[in-house]
Amino acid sequence: MIDGVEGAGKCWGWTKRRILAGGYFRDEDSFHVDGHAARSHLVKLWEEREAAAPGGVPSQRWPEVFVGDSLAFERAIEGAREHWFWLAHIRYVIPNARMHPKSKLSELRELFPRQFKDERAYFNELHAMHCYLLGRMQLFSSPVVAA
C-alpha cells in the first residue's frame, strides 16, 4: 500500500460520501445535512445580517467540493480500469463501520470474479491501483513548464 495514495483515497472517499449522501456523519447517530442552518446562533445572526445589508452577500455559500489530494484522486480514478474504479469506491467511499471489510471483498468477488479470487489477489490489485493512481496524481499535480 502506498501511504500518500491511501491518504488521498480516504480524503476522496469522505468527500464522495458527502456528495452522494448530501451531508456527513458527525458520529454514529448524528447526520449533518449540507445546506441547513448554522450550528451557532451568533453565526446565523451574522449571516442574516450580511444578507440583509444593502449590497449584502447571500447567506448560502458553495465551496469547492474536491480540493487538494481528493481532487487529484478524483481526476486520476476517472481513467482507471473498471474493477479499480469499483475497488476505490468500495474501499474508500463505504466506511468500515457500515460494511465489514470481508463483506467488501465478497462484493468485489461477486462483481469481478477473475480479478478478486482471494485476499491475496485483492491486495495485488490494490497495490497495482495505487501505483497507477500515484503516477496519474503526479501527472495532474506537476506544474506546467513553459517552453
Foldseek 3Di string as FASTA:
>chain_A
DDVLLVVLLQVLLQLVLCVVVQFHAPDDPDTDHPPDADPDPVLNVVLVVQVPDVVRDHSDDDDDRQDDSSVLLVVQLVPDDPLLVLLSNLVRNDDCVRPPPVRSLVVSCVVPVVQRVDPVSSVVVVVVSSVSSVVSSCVVPDDDDDD
